[in-house]
Protein backbone atom coordinates (compact mmCIF):
# COMPACT_ATOMS: atom_id res chain seq x y z
CA MET A 1 -17.98 -26.79 -186.78
CA SER A 2 -20.75 -28.41 -188.83
CA ARG A 3 -21.79 -31.87 -187.64
CA GLY A 4 -24.55 -34.31 -188.51
CA VAL A 5 -26.85 -36.32 -186.25
CA LYS A 6 -24.55 -39.37 -186.31
CA GLU A 7 -21.58 -37.28 -185.19
CA TYR A 8 -23.50 -35.74 -182.30
CA LEU A 9 -24.71 -39.21 -181.30
CA SER A 10 -21.07 -40.28 -181.24
CA ILE A 11 -20.26 -37.34 -178.93
CA VAL A 12 -23.13 -38.35 -176.63
CA LEU A 13 -21.70 -41.88 -176.42
CA LYS A 14 -18.26 -40.46 -175.61
CA GLY A 15 -19.93 -38.45 -172.84
CA VAL A 16 -21.48 -41.68 -171.53
CA ALA A 17 -18.01 -43.25 -171.41
CA MET A 18 -16.58 -40.18 -169.63
CA GLY A 19 -19.37 -40.25 -167.05
CA ALA A 20 -18.83 -43.96 -166.40
CA ALA A 21 -15.10 -43.39 -165.89
CA ASP A 22 -15.62 -40.47 -163.51
CA VAL A 23 -17.87 -42.60 -161.29
CA VAL A 24 -14.89 -44.91 -160.57
CA PRO A 25 -12.45 -43.38 -158.01
CA GLY A 26 -9.12 -43.78 -159.80
CA VAL A 27 -10.18 -43.44 -163.44
CA SER A 28 -10.30 -40.00 -165.05
CA GLY A 29 -12.94 -38.87 -167.51
CA GLY A 30 -10.17 -36.76 -169.03
CA THR A 31 -8.42 -39.97 -170.12
CA ILE A 32 -11.56 -41.08 -171.98
CA ALA A 33 -11.89 -37.63 -173.58
CA PHE A 34 -8.32 -37.82 -174.82
CA ILE A 35 -8.41 -41.31 -176.29
CA SER A 36 -11.76 -40.59 -177.95
CA GLY A 37 -10.26 -37.59 -179.74
CA ILE A 38 -12.29 -34.77 -178.18
CA TYR A 39 -9.91 -33.55 -175.47
CA GLU A 40 -8.51 -30.44 -177.17
CA GLU A 41 -11.93 -29.46 -178.50
CA LEU A 42 -13.34 -29.80 -175.00
CA LEU A 43 -10.59 -27.59 -173.55
CA GLY A 44 -11.15 -25.00 -176.27
CA ALA A 45 -14.91 -24.90 -175.69
CA ILE A 46 -14.58 -24.56 -171.91
CA SER A 47 -11.83 -21.93 -172.11
CA ASN A 48 -14.08 -19.76 -174.30
CA ILE A 49 -16.49 -19.37 -171.39
CA ASN A 50 -15.24 -16.06 -169.98
CA LEU A 51 -16.24 -12.42 -169.46
CA GLY A 52 -15.75 -11.76 -173.16
CA LEU A 53 -18.63 -14.12 -173.81
CA LEU A 54 -20.99 -11.63 -172.14
CA LYS A 55 -19.86 -8.97 -174.61
CA VAL A 56 -20.54 -11.31 -177.54
CA LEU A 57 -23.95 -12.14 -176.05
CA LYS A 58 -24.80 -8.45 -175.68
CA ASN A 59 -23.55 -7.30 -179.09
CA ASP A 60 -24.19 -10.30 -181.34
CA GLY A 61 -26.89 -12.29 -179.56
CA PHE A 62 -27.33 -15.76 -178.12
CA LYS A 63 -26.59 -17.64 -181.34
CA ALA A 64 -23.14 -16.06 -181.71
CA ALA A 65 -22.32 -16.73 -178.03
CA TRP A 66 -23.51 -20.33 -178.37
CA GLN A 67 -21.28 -20.84 -181.40
CA LYS A 68 -18.31 -19.27 -179.62
CA ILE A 69 -18.41 -21.88 -176.84
CA ASN A 70 -19.19 -24.70 -179.31
CA GLY A 71 -22.51 -25.11 -177.51
CA ASN A 72 -23.86 -28.03 -179.54
CA PHE A 73 -20.72 -30.04 -178.78
CA LEU A 74 -20.82 -29.26 -175.03
CA ALA A 75 -24.56 -29.97 -174.84
CA ALA A 76 -24.21 -33.36 -176.54
CA LEU A 77 -21.26 -34.28 -174.34
CA PHE A 78 -22.94 -33.30 -171.06
CA VAL A 79 -26.15 -35.10 -172.08
CA GLY A 80 -24.03 -38.24 -172.41
CA ILE A 81 -22.35 -37.68 -169.04
CA PHE A 82 -25.75 -37.11 -167.40
CA ILE A 83 -27.20 -40.27 -168.98
CA SER A 84 -24.21 -42.22 -167.74
CA ILE A 85 -24.46 -40.94 -164.19
CA ILE A 86 -28.16 -41.78 -163.84
CA SER A 87 -27.99 -45.13 -165.67
CA LEU A 88 -24.53 -46.63 -165.13
CA ALA A 89 -23.57 -45.31 -161.69
CA LYS A 90 -25.53 -47.99 -159.83
CA LEU A 91 -24.12 -50.76 -162.04
CA ILE A 92 -20.54 -49.58 -161.59
CA LYS A 93 -21.09 -49.16 -157.83
CA HIS A 94 -22.40 -52.75 -157.72
CA LEU A 95 -19.37 -54.02 -159.65
CA LEU A 96 -16.97 -52.05 -157.41
CA GLU A 97 -18.50 -53.68 -154.34
CA ASN A 98 -18.98 -57.20 -155.70
CA GLU A 99 -16.57 -57.71 -158.62
CA PRO A 100 -13.76 -55.18 -158.06
CA ILE A 101 -11.01 -57.30 -159.63
CA LEU A 102 -12.92 -57.77 -162.89
CA LEU A 103 -13.93 -54.09 -163.13
CA TRP A 104 -10.42 -52.81 -162.35
CA SER A 105 -8.92 -55.30 -164.83
CA PHE A 106 -11.04 -53.93 -167.67
CA PHE A 107 -10.10 -50.33 -166.81
CA PHE A 108 -6.44 -51.32 -166.38
CA GLY A 109 -6.32 -52.68 -169.93
CA LEU A 110 -8.14 -49.62 -171.22
CA VAL A 111 -5.80 -47.15 -169.50
CA LEU A 112 -2.69 -49.16 -170.45
CA ALA A 113 -3.61 -48.91 -174.13
CA SER A 114 -4.35 -45.21 -173.74
CA ILE A 115 -0.73 -44.66 -172.65
CA ILE A 116 0.46 -46.05 -175.98
CA TYR A 117 -2.12 -43.96 -177.83
CA ILE A 118 -1.14 -40.67 -176.17
CA ALA A 119 2.61 -41.37 -176.38
CA LYS A 120 2.22 -41.89 -180.14
CA GLN A 121 0.89 -38.33 -180.43
CA ILE A 122 4.30 -36.99 -179.33
CA SER A 123 5.97 -35.97 -182.58
CA LYS A 124 9.49 -35.44 -181.21
CA TRP A 125 11.26 -37.29 -178.39
CA ASN A 126 14.31 -35.86 -176.63
CA ILE A 127 15.91 -35.90 -173.19
CA VAL A 128 13.53 -33.21 -171.88
CA THR A 129 10.51 -35.20 -173.07
CA PHE A 130 11.74 -38.33 -171.30
CA LEU A 131 12.45 -36.40 -168.10
CA ILE A 132 8.95 -34.91 -168.14
CA VAL A 133 7.41 -38.38 -168.59
CA MET A 134 9.46 -39.74 -165.68
CA ALA A 135 8.77 -36.77 -163.36
CA SER A 136 5.01 -36.77 -164.01
CA SER A 137 4.91 -40.57 -163.61
CA PHE A 138 6.55 -40.38 -160.19
CA LEU A 139 4.28 -37.50 -159.14
CA ALA A 140 1.10 -39.35 -160.15
CA TYR A 141 2.34 -42.56 -158.50
CA TYR A 142 3.12 -40.65 -155.30
CA ILE A 143 -0.40 -39.20 -155.27
CA THR A 144 -1.88 -42.72 -155.50
CA THR A 145 0.11 -43.81 -152.45
CA LEU A 146 -1.06 -40.95 -150.22
CA ASN A 147 -3.32 -41.81 -147.30
CA PRO A 148 -6.74 -40.13 -147.31
CA LEU A 149 -7.33 -37.60 -144.55
CA VAL A 150 -8.95 -39.23 -141.54
CA SER A 151 -10.65 -36.02 -140.43
CA GLU A 152 -13.28 -34.51 -142.70
CA ASN A 153 -13.44 -30.73 -143.08
CA THR A 154 -16.96 -29.45 -143.69
CA SER A 155 -16.18 -25.73 -143.85
CA LEU A 156 -17.65 -24.13 -146.98
CA LEU A 157 -14.35 -22.41 -147.87
CA TYR A 158 -12.45 -25.71 -147.65
CA LEU A 159 -15.05 -27.50 -149.78
CA PHE A 160 -14.90 -24.63 -152.30
CA PHE A 161 -11.17 -25.22 -152.79
CA ALA A 162 -11.65 -29.01 -152.75
CA GLY A 163 -14.15 -28.65 -155.60
CA ALA A 164 -11.73 -26.48 -157.58
CA ILE A 165 -8.85 -28.94 -157.15
CA ALA A 166 -10.97 -32.02 -157.87
CA ILE A 167 -12.41 -30.64 -161.10
CA CYS A 168 -8.89 -29.83 -162.31
CA ALA A 169 -7.93 -33.45 -161.71
CA MET A 170 -11.11 -34.65 -163.42
CA ILE A 171 -10.15 -33.04 -166.76
CA LEU A 172 -6.49 -34.05 -166.41
CA PRO A 173 -5.95 -37.52 -167.93
CA GLY A 174 -4.67 -40.03 -165.41
CA ILE A 175 -5.84 -38.41 -162.18
CA SER A 176 -9.32 -39.01 -160.81
CA GLY A 177 -11.29 -36.10 -159.36
CA ALA A 178 -13.22 -38.47 -157.09
CA PHE A 179 -9.94 -39.83 -155.72
CA ILE A 180 -8.69 -36.29 -155.01
CA LEU A 181 -11.86 -35.63 -153.00
CA VAL A 182 -11.17 -38.81 -151.02
CA LEU A 183 -7.58 -37.68 -150.33
CA LEU A 184 -8.76 -34.26 -149.18
CA GLY A 185 -11.35 -35.75 -146.84
CA ALA A 186 -14.10 -34.03 -148.83
CA TYR A 187 -15.67 -37.04 -150.57
CA LYS A 188 -18.03 -37.96 -147.73
CA PRO A 189 -19.16 -34.36 -146.98
CA VAL A 190 -19.88 -33.79 -150.68
CA LEU A 191 -21.75 -37.09 -150.98
CA THR A 192 -23.72 -36.32 -147.81
CA ALA A 193 -24.57 -32.85 -149.10
CA VAL A 194 -25.92 -34.30 -152.35
CA ASN A 195 -27.97 -36.94 -150.51
CA ASP A 196 -29.31 -34.38 -147.98
CA ARG A 197 -29.81 -31.70 -150.66
CA ASP A 198 -27.65 -29.29 -148.68
CA ILE A 199 -27.85 -26.36 -151.11
CA LYS A 200 -25.15 -24.26 -149.38
CA THR A 201 -22.54 -27.01 -149.50
CA ILE A 202 -23.46 -28.05 -153.03
CA ALA A 203 -23.24 -24.41 -154.16
CA ALA A 204 -19.80 -23.96 -152.52
CA VAL A 205 -18.40 -27.10 -154.17
CA GLY A 206 -20.09 -26.25 -157.47
CA LEU A 207 -18.74 -22.69 -157.51
CA GLY A 208 -15.25 -23.97 -156.77
CA ALA A 209 -15.58 -26.52 -159.55
CA ILE A 210 -16.73 -23.90 -162.06
CA ILE A 211 -13.88 -21.49 -161.23
CA GLY A 212 -11.33 -24.32 -161.20
CA LEU A 213 -12.58 -25.69 -164.52
CA LEU A 214 -12.60 -22.33 -166.31
CA SER A 215 -9.14 -21.41 -165.00
CA PHE A 216 -7.40 -24.74 -165.50
CA SER A 217 -8.84 -25.32 -168.98
CA LYS A 218 -7.24 -22.04 -170.11
CA ILE A 219 -3.86 -23.15 -168.74
CA LEU A 220 -4.11 -26.52 -170.47
CA LYS A 221 -5.19 -24.93 -173.74
CA TRP A 222 -2.22 -22.52 -173.59
CA LEU A 223 0.14 -25.43 -172.91
CA PHE A 224 -1.25 -27.38 -175.87
CA ASN A 225 -0.88 -24.37 -178.14
CA ASN A 226 2.69 -23.55 -177.08
CA PHE A 227 4.26 -26.74 -175.72
CA LYS A 228 2.18 -29.56 -177.18
CA ASN A 229 4.88 -32.26 -177.12
CA TYR A 230 5.88 -31.54 -173.54
CA THR A 231 2.24 -31.37 -172.46
CA LEU A 232 1.56 -34.74 -174.07
CA ALA A 233 4.65 -36.12 -172.33
CA ALA A 234 3.33 -34.91 -168.96
CA LEU A 235 -0.11 -36.42 -169.61
CA THR A 236 1.52 -39.72 -170.62
CA GLY A 237 3.47 -39.74 -167.37
CA PHE A 238 0.39 -38.93 -165.28
CA ILE A 239 -1.46 -41.90 -166.76
CA ILE A 240 1.53 -44.24 -166.26
CA GLY A 241 1.73 -43.23 -162.60
CA SER A 242 -2.01 -43.67 -162.11
CA LEU A 243 -1.84 -47.37 -163.04
CA ASN A 244 -0.98 -48.15 -159.42
CA LYS A 245 -4.37 -46.84 -158.32
CA ILE A 246 -6.32 -49.06 -160.71
CA TRP A 247 -4.21 -52.23 -160.28
CA PRO A 248 -6.85 -54.96 -159.78
CA TRP A 249 -5.24 -56.84 -156.89
CA LYS A 250 -5.09 -54.91 -153.64
CA GLN A 251 -4.27 -55.81 -150.05
CA THR A 252 -6.18 -53.78 -147.47
CA LEU A 253 -3.96 -52.35 -144.75
CA THR A 254 -6.55 -50.38 -142.78
CA TRP A 255 -10.33 -50.10 -142.74
CA ARG A 256 -12.89 -47.39 -142.00
CA ILE A 257 -16.62 -47.21 -141.30
CA ASN A 258 -18.53 -45.36 -144.03
CA SER A 259 -21.63 -43.16 -143.65
CA HIS A 260 -23.87 -46.25 -143.77
CA GLY A 261 -22.02 -47.96 -140.92
CA ILE A 262 -20.35 -50.45 -143.28
CA LYS A 263 -16.71 -51.44 -142.93
CA VAL A 264 -14.83 -50.50 -146.14
CA PRO A 265 -11.12 -50.41 -147.17
CA PHE A 266 -9.29 -47.22 -146.16
CA ASN A 267 -5.65 -47.78 -147.12
CA GLN A 268 -4.56 -50.40 -149.69
CA GLU A 269 -1.41 -51.51 -151.47
CA SER A 270 -0.97 -53.31 -154.79
CA VAL A 271 0.06 -56.98 -154.67
CA SER A 272 0.82 -59.68 -157.21
CA PRO A 273 -2.19 -61.79 -158.29
CA PHE A 274 -0.15 -64.86 -157.30
CA SER A 275 0.16 -63.64 -153.70
CA TYR A 276 -3.43 -62.39 -153.49
CA HIS A 277 -5.02 -63.96 -150.40
CA GLN A 278 -8.40 -64.61 -152.08
CA ASP A 279 -9.54 -65.88 -155.47
CA SER A 280 -7.48 -63.83 -157.96
CA GLN A 281 -9.85 -64.59 -160.88
CA LEU A 282 -6.71 -64.32 -162.99
CA ALA A 283 -8.04 -65.90 -166.20
CA VAL A 284 -11.20 -63.79 -166.45
CA ALA A 285 -9.34 -60.68 -165.25
CA THR A 286 -6.72 -61.13 -167.97
CA LEU A 287 -9.41 -61.54 -170.63
CA LEU A 288 -11.14 -58.34 -169.50
CA ALA A 289 -7.84 -56.43 -169.45
CA VAL A 290 -7.15 -57.60 -173.02
CA LEU A 291 -10.70 -56.58 -173.99
CA GLY A 292 -10.14 -53.07 -172.60
CA PHE A 293 -6.77 -52.87 -174.38
CA VAL A 294 -8.20 -54.01 -177.73
CA LEU A 295 -11.16 -51.63 -177.36
CA ILE A 296 -8.82 -48.62 -177.28
CA LEU A 297 -6.78 -49.91 -180.23
CA GLY A 298 -10.04 -50.35 -182.13
CA MET A 299 -11.08 -46.78 -181.32
CA GLU A 300 -7.68 -45.54 -182.53
CA LYS A 301 -7.96 -47.44 -185.83
CA PHE A 302 -11.51 -46.20 -186.35
CA ALA A 303 -10.44 -42.60 -185.69
CA SER A 304 -7.46 -42.94 -188.07
CA LYS A 305 -9.67 -44.44 -190.78
CA LYS A 306 -12.20 -41.64 -190.35
CA LYS A 307 -9.47 -39.03 -190.74
């Protein structure tokens, strides 16, 4: 696919948005990829990374292999994700700790609009489509209500599988890979390994993530090629169910001590802003939710106009 500098810059910016979303436990970078119109291309590029690629590399050279995996697209996207992680992670962490209601409100509006956007891509609605939306909604909602594991498993095999599962969630719109790591009790060991530069642990998680990503992307690509409407219905349901996780007003039921010795929420439940025990910041939160909602509608109109 031939692209100009402006188009690759746009892909970099989409990568920045994906990276920012993945930093927030509860928001999926896959959702951002979908609403920005690059989801299927991303799946196709990743699924082309297989053993057959080595044959292309051997027979036809690096350029042919690079084209096969849509290398320019992947490079631009991952540059954006990397930029986001090193530049926005601290800001988002600060907002999560100091202005959680306002941050979650913006993402809530953004994700809410994305549900409408993805649902509109379904060309034919029937009873099966509705049932898939309902089933996937309940499944995603159930996942958001699960309590994280209290005990943390640091075995390399366990962390390998945790990495594989988390990366699958990360490219699935509506489910956050970071949140899956929290549920599995692997978030802290992974974070500690990165901070301590524990190469063995990082390699185990990374290998699991690579295998999980390459395998799951092929499944998703096959589903899009053969059952696109039903796949879109499932993705719509996953995002609907995930709204519970990013609801701005939460009541903390239990607490835990993190690796820095700081008391942080462990188990929370969603509450009405009118029964929230602290300042609900309702007016500003509503404005930010509307801003997130309008932002997605603007992206949709821009994409439609471009087409």
